[in-house]
Amino acid sequence: MLSRTGVATCENIESILPPKERLQKGPVAVIECFQQIPCNPCYSSCPRNAIKPFDDINDLPVLDYESCNGCGTCIHNCPGLAIFVVDETYTEEEALVKLPYEYTPLPKVGDLVEALDREGKKVGQAQVVKVQNAKGQDRTPVLWVSVSKHLSQQVRNIGMEG
């Protein structure tokens, strides 16, 4: 399905998800990069060296889950918009998902938005908790959205009405 539609399969996703035990410890990156292409900004941008060195520039990134603290620096540095941070410890009922967002207009903190899956289908509702849009982010804002905890590994974008 990935090569035909650009949407990762369940097998693709399962191969990169952090272990359940790690998700229970706090925020951690989820790198949904599945194609070998010459790219490594995630590795060079990680301040904790949680993304392991590449033997070849075409290698897929490998994350050391225990070294990752979910800072999200890698999110806006990924030209493929393939990195997210998930925090399943955000509240009892909600998870926090940090995601790249390159559309306009930018939502505002407090906005209720549609929570979209990898195919762009609405799977629920999200609330915008924070909008990071610093000059050094190379025009890739990072949204922090809270979603129902059971949607933490599904929500990868948002939709705004209108």
C-alpha atoms as a PDB file:
ATOM      1  CA  MET A   1       0.000   0.000   0.000  1.00  0.00           C
ATOM      2  CA  LEU A   2       2.852   2.406   0.812  1.00  0.00           C
ATOM      3  CA  SER A   3       4.331   2.299  -2.699  1.00  0.00           C
ATOM      4  CA  ARG A   4       0.910   2.682  -4.325  1.00  0.00           C
ATOM      5  CA  THR A   5      -0.825   5.243  -2.086  1.00  0.00           C
ATOM      6  CA  GLY A   6       1.912   6.736   0.070  1.00  0.00           C
ATOM      7  CA  VAL A   7       0.085   5.535   3.188  1.00  0.00           C
ATOM      8  CA  ALA A   8       1.938   3.211   5.521  1.00  0.00           C
ATOM      9  CA  THR A   9       0.533  -0.236   6.193  1.00  0.00           C
ATOM     10  CA  CYS A  10      -0.209  -1.593   9.668  1.00  0.00           C
ATOM     11  CA  GLU A  11       2.967  -3.678   9.353  1.00  0.00           C
ATOM     12  CA  ASN A  12       5.009  -0.559   8.534  1.00  0.00           C
ATOM     13  CA  ILE A  13       3.603   1.253  11.556  1.00  0.00           C
ATOM     14  CA  GLU A  14       4.045  -1.650  13.961  1.00  0.00           C
ATOM     15  CA  SER A  15       7.696  -1.942  12.947  1.00  0.00           C
ATOM     16  CA  ILE A  16       8.552   1.557  14.197  1.00  0.00           C
ATOM     17  CA  LEU A  17       6.297   2.076  17.227  1.00  0.00           C
ATOM     18  CA  PRO A  18       7.976   2.541  20.579  1.00  0.00           C
ATOM     19  CA  PRO A  19       7.365  -0.312  23.018  1.00  0.00           C
ATOM     20  CA  LYS A  20       4.312   0.095  25.261  1.00  0.00           C
ATOM     21  CA  GLU A  21       6.598   0.302  28.310  1.00  0.00           C
ATOM     22  CA  ARG A  22       8.449   3.269  26.776  1.00  0.00           C
ATOM     23  CA  LEU A  23       5.202   5.046  25.906  1.00  0.00           C
ATOM     24  CA  GLN A  24       4.245   4.856  29.580  1.00  0.00           C
ATOM     25  CA  LYS A  25       7.391   6.794  30.566  1.00  0.00           C
ATOM     26  CA  GLY A  26       6.583  10.054  28.762  1.00  0.00           C
ATOM     27  CA  PRO A  27       7.046  11.771  25.402  1.00  0.00           C
ATOM     28  CA  VAL A  28       8.947   9.933  22.685  1.00  0.00           C
ATOM     29  CA  ALA A  29       9.475  10.428  18.964  1.00  0.00           C
ATOM     30  CA  VAL A  30       7.799   8.212  16.390  1.00  0.00           C
ATOM     31  CA  ILE A  31       9.702   8.221  13.100  1.00  0.00           C
ATOM     32  CA  GLU A  32       7.447   7.163  10.228  1.00  0.00           C
ATOM     33  CA  CYS A  33      10.157   7.099   7.574  1.00  0.00           C
ATOM     34  CA  PHE A  34       9.808   3.995   5.415  1.00  0.00           C
ATOM     35  CA  GLN A  35      11.692   4.720   2.204  1.00  0.00           C
ATOM     36  CA  GLN A  36      15.435   4.607   1.766  1.00  0.00           C
ATOM     37  CA  ILE A  37      16.402   8.005   0.414  1.00  0.00           C
ATOM     38  CA  PRO A  38      19.497  10.157   0.927  1.00  0.00           C
ATOM     39  CA  CYS A  39      18.432  12.088   4.009  1.00  0.00           C
ATOM     40  CA  ASN A  40      19.654  12.501   7.588  1.00  0.00           C
ATOM     41  CA  PRO A  41      18.577  15.857   9.102  1.00  0.00           C
ATOM     42  CA  CYS A  42      16.840  13.983  11.930  1.00  0.00           C
ATOM     43  CA  TYR A  43      20.130  12.437  12.993  1.00  0.00           C
ATOM     44  CA  SER A  44      22.137  15.643  12.777  1.00  0.00           C
ATOM     45  CA  SER A  45      19.489  17.689  14.619  1.00  0.00           C
ATOM     46  CA  CYS A  46      18.921  15.425  17.647  1.00  0.00           C
ATOM     47  CA  PRO A  47      20.517  17.101  20.681  1.00  0.00           C
ATOM     48  CA  ARG A  48      20.478  13.832  22.669  1.00  0.00           C
ATOM     49  CA  ASN A  49      21.929  11.585  19.939  1.00  0.00           C
ATOM     50  CA  ALA A  50      18.803   9.441  20.254  1.00  0.00           C
ATOM     51  CA  ILE A  51      18.761   8.856  16.502  1.00  0.00           C
ATOM     52  CA  LYS A  52      21.555   6.417  15.797  1.00  0.00           C
ATOM     53  CA  PRO A  53      24.299   7.262  13.283  1.00  0.00           C
ATOM     54  CA  PHE A  54      23.672   6.169   9.713  1.00  0.00           C
ATOM     55  CA  ASP A  55      26.110   3.725   8.107  1.00  0.00           C
ATOM     56  CA  ASP A  56      24.817   4.954   4.747  1.00  0.00           C
ATOM     57  CA  ILE A  57      22.977   8.222   3.986  1.00  0.00           C
ATOM     58  CA  ASN A  58      20.163   6.091   2.504  1.00  0.00           C
ATOM     59  CA  ASP A  59      19.545   4.129   5.728  1.00  0.00           C
ATOM     60  CA  LEU A  60      16.271   4.446   7.583  1.00  0.00           C
ATOM     61  CA  PRO A  61      16.532   6.276  10.904  1.00  0.00           C
ATOM     62  CA  VAL A  62      16.764   4.142  14.033  1.00  0.00           C
ATOM     63  CA  LEU A  63      15.661   5.697  17.317  1.00  0.00           C
ATOM     64  CA  ASP A  64      17.070   4.780  20.712  1.00  0.00           C
ATOM     65  CA  TYR A  65      13.788   5.109  22.600  1.00  0.00           C
ATOM     66  CA  GLU A  66      15.452   5.355  25.999  1.00  0.00           C
ATOM     67  CA  SER A  67      17.644   8.289  24.938  1.00  0.00           C
ATOM     68  CA  CYS A  68      14.734  10.216  23.398  1.00  0.00           C
ATOM     69  CA  ASN A  69      12.989  12.695  25.686  1.00  0.00           C
ATOM     70  CA  GLY A  70      10.418  13.831  23.105  1.00  0.00           C
ATOM     71  CA  CYS A  71      11.819  17.352  22.737  1.00  0.00           C
ATOM     72  CA  GLY A  72      10.641  17.404  19.104  1.00  0.00           C
ATOM     73  CA  THR A  73      13.656  19.147  17.582  1.00  0.00           C
ATOM     74  CA  CYS A  74      13.679  16.475  14.886  1.00  0.00           C
ATOM     75  CA  ILE A  75      10.073  17.225  13.841  1.00  0.00           C
ATOM     76  CA  HIS A  76      10.646  20.500  12.001  1.00  0.00           C
ATOM     77  CA  ASN A  77      13.996  19.294  10.638  1.00  0.00           C
ATOM     78  CA  CYS A  78      12.446  16.357   8.775  1.00  0.00           C
ATOM     79  CA  PRO A  79      11.817  17.417   5.152  1.00  0.00           C
ATOM     80  CA  GLY A  80       9.418  14.478   4.732  1.00  0.00           C
ATOM     81  CA  LEU A  81       7.185  15.556   7.662  1.00  0.00           C
ATOM     82  CA  ALA A  82       7.554  11.995   8.938  1.00  0.00           C
ATOM     83  CA  ILE A  83       8.359  12.554  12.619  1.00  0.00           C
ATOM     84  CA  PHE A  84       5.883  12.983  15.449  1.00  0.00           C
ATOM     85  CA  VAL A  85       6.159  12.987  19.227  1.00  0.00           C
ATOM     86  CA  VAL A  86       3.608  11.102  21.275  1.00  0.00           C
ATOM     87  CA  ASP A  87       3.081  11.577  25.012  1.00  0.00           C
ATOM     88  CA  GLU A  88       0.624   9.052  26.377  1.00  0.00           C
ATOM     89  CA  THR A  89       1.231  10.332  29.925  1.00  0.00           C
ATOM     90  CA  TYR A  90      -0.265  13.767  29.165  1.00  0.00           C
ATOM     91  CA  THR A  91      -3.457  13.121  31.201  1.00  0.00           C
ATOM     92  CA  GLU A  92      -5.456  10.087  32.280  1.00  0.00           C
ATOM     93  CA  GLU A  93      -7.732  10.307  29.223  1.00  0.00           C
ATOM     94  CA  GLU A  94      -5.658  12.231  26.682  1.00  0.00           C
ATOM     95  CA  ALA A  95      -2.388  11.921  24.834  1.00  0.00           C
ATOM     96  CA  LEU A  96      -0.364  14.786  23.411  1.00  0.00           C
ATOM     97  CA  VAL A  97       0.749  14.529  19.790  1.00  0.00           C
ATOM     98  CA  LYS A  98       3.312  16.953  18.370  1.00  0.00           C
ATOM     99  CA  LEU A  99       3.112  17.144  14.594  1.00  0.00           C
ATOM    100  CA  PRO A 100       4.484  19.201  11.711  1.00  0.00           C
ATOM    101  CA  TYR A 101       1.950  21.488  10.059  1.00  0.00           C
ATOM    102  CA  GLU A 102       2.659  23.481   6.890  1.00  0.00           C
ATOM    103  CA  TYR A 103      -0.805  24.788   6.031  1.00  0.00           C
ATOM    104  CA  THR A 104      -2.360  28.198   6.512  1.00  0.00           C
ATOM    105  CA  PRO A 105      -3.977  29.554   8.451  1.00  0.00           C
ATOM    106  CA  LEU A 106      -2.303  28.226  11.565  1.00  0.00           C
ATOM    107  CA  PRO A 107      -4.723  27.218  14.293  1.00  0.00           C
ATOM    108  CA  LYS A 108      -4.595  29.023  17.620  1.00  0.00           C
ATOM    109  CA  VAL A 109      -4.070  27.625  21.093  1.00  0.00           C
ATOM    110  CA  GLY A 110      -7.408  26.383  22.389  1.00  0.00           C
ATOM    111  CA  ASP A 111      -8.920  25.714  18.955  1.00  0.00           C
ATOM    112  CA  LEU A 112     -10.898  22.504  18.548  1.00  0.00           C
ATOM    113  CA  VAL A 113      -9.913  20.857  15.269  1.00  0.00           C
ATOM    114  CA  GLU A 114     -10.554  17.618  13.415  1.00  0.00           C
ATOM    115  CA  ALA A 115      -8.087  14.855  14.270  1.00  0.00           C
ATOM    116  CA  LEU A 116      -7.007  13.180  11.018  1.00  0.00           C
ATOM    117  CA  ASP A 117      -5.308   9.841  10.415  1.00  0.00           C
ATOM    118  CA  ARG A 118      -2.547   9.073   7.913  1.00  0.00           C
ATOM    119  CA  GLU A 119      -5.062   8.958   5.050  1.00  0.00           C
ATOM    120  CA  GLY A 120      -6.604  12.307   5.987  1.00  0.00           C
ATOM    121  CA  LYS A 121      -9.760  10.716   7.393  1.00  0.00           C
ATOM    122  CA  LYS A 122     -11.368  12.226  10.473  1.00  0.00           C
ATOM    123  CA  VAL A 123     -10.948   9.937  13.470  1.00  0.00           C
ATOM    124  CA  GLY A 124     -11.946  12.311  16.249  1.00  0.00           C
ATOM    125  CA  GLN A 125     -11.420  15.743  17.680  1.00  0.00           C
ATOM    126  CA  ALA A 126      -8.263  17.412  18.942  1.00  0.00           C
ATOM    127  CA  GLN A 127      -7.523  20.559  20.884  1.00  0.00           C
ATOM    128  CA  VAL A 128      -4.541  22.728  20.030  1.00  0.00           C
ATOM    129  CA  VAL A 129      -2.377  23.046  23.137  1.00  0.00           C
ATOM    130  CA  LYS A 130       0.614  24.891  21.673  1.00  0.00           C
ATOM    131  CA  VAL A 131       1.844  26.265  18.348  1.00  0.00           C
ATOM    132  CA  GLN A 132       5.617  26.403  17.877  1.00  0.00           C
ATOM    133  CA  ASN A 133       6.569  28.630  14.973  1.00  0.00           C
ATOM    134  CA  ALA A 134      10.036  29.991  15.655  1.00  0.00           C
ATOM    135  CA  LYS A 135      12.140  31.534  12.912  1.00  0.00           C
ATOM    136  CA  GLY A 136      14.711  28.728  13.195  1.00  0.00           C
ATOM    137  CA  GLN A 137      12.106  26.084  12.368  1.00  0.00           C
ATOM    138  CA  ASP A 138      12.513  26.665   8.637  1.00  0.00           C
ATOM    139  CA  ARG A 139       8.837  27.511   8.134  1.00  0.00           C
ATOM    140  CA  THR A 140       7.610  24.237   9.595  1.00  0.00           C
ATOM    141  CA  PRO A 141       5.404  24.983  12.599  1.00  0.00           C
ATOM    142  CA  VAL A 142       4.896  22.210  15.126  1.00  0.00           C
ATOM    143  CA  LEU A 143       1.433  21.816  16.626  1.00  0.00           C
ATOM    144  CA  TRP A 144       0.858  20.213  19.995  1.00  0.00           C
ATOM    145  CA  VAL A 145      -2.612  18.689  20.049  1.00  0.00           C
ATOM    146  CA  SER A 146      -4.398  16.715  22.736  1.00  0.00           C
ATOM    147  CA  VAL A 147      -6.418  13.723  21.579  1.00  0.00           C
ATOM    148  CA  SER A 148      -8.192  10.795  23.181  1.00  0.00           C
ATOM    149  CA  LYS A 149      -5.476   8.424  24.333  1.00  0.00           C
ATOM    150  CA  HIS A 150      -6.687   5.593  22.091  1.00  0.00           C
ATOM    151  CA  LEU A 151      -5.987   7.850  19.057  1.00  0.00           C
ATOM    152  CA  SER A 152      -2.360   8.645  19.920  1.00  0.00           C
ATOM    153  CA  GLN A 153      -0.925   6.333  17.268  1.00  0.00           C
ATOM    154  CA  GLN A 154      -3.507   7.277  14.626  1.00  0.00           C
ATOM    155  CA  VAL A 155      -3.628  11.080  14.617  1.00  0.00           C
ATOM    156  CA  ARG A 156      -1.000  12.492  12.255  1.00  0.00           C
ATOM    157  CA  ASN A 157      -2.601  15.702  11.026  1.00  0.00           C
ATOM    158  CA  ILE A 158      -5.460  18.069  11.752  1.00  0.00           C
ATOM    159  CA  GLY A 159      -8.213  19.646   9.745  1.00  0.00           C
ATOM    160  CA  MET A 160      -9.829  23.006  10.331  1.00  0.00           C
ATOM    161  CA  GLU A 161     -13.393  23.808   9.339  1.00  0.00           C
ATOM    162  CA  GLY A 162     -13.744  26.137   6.393  1.00  0.00           C
END
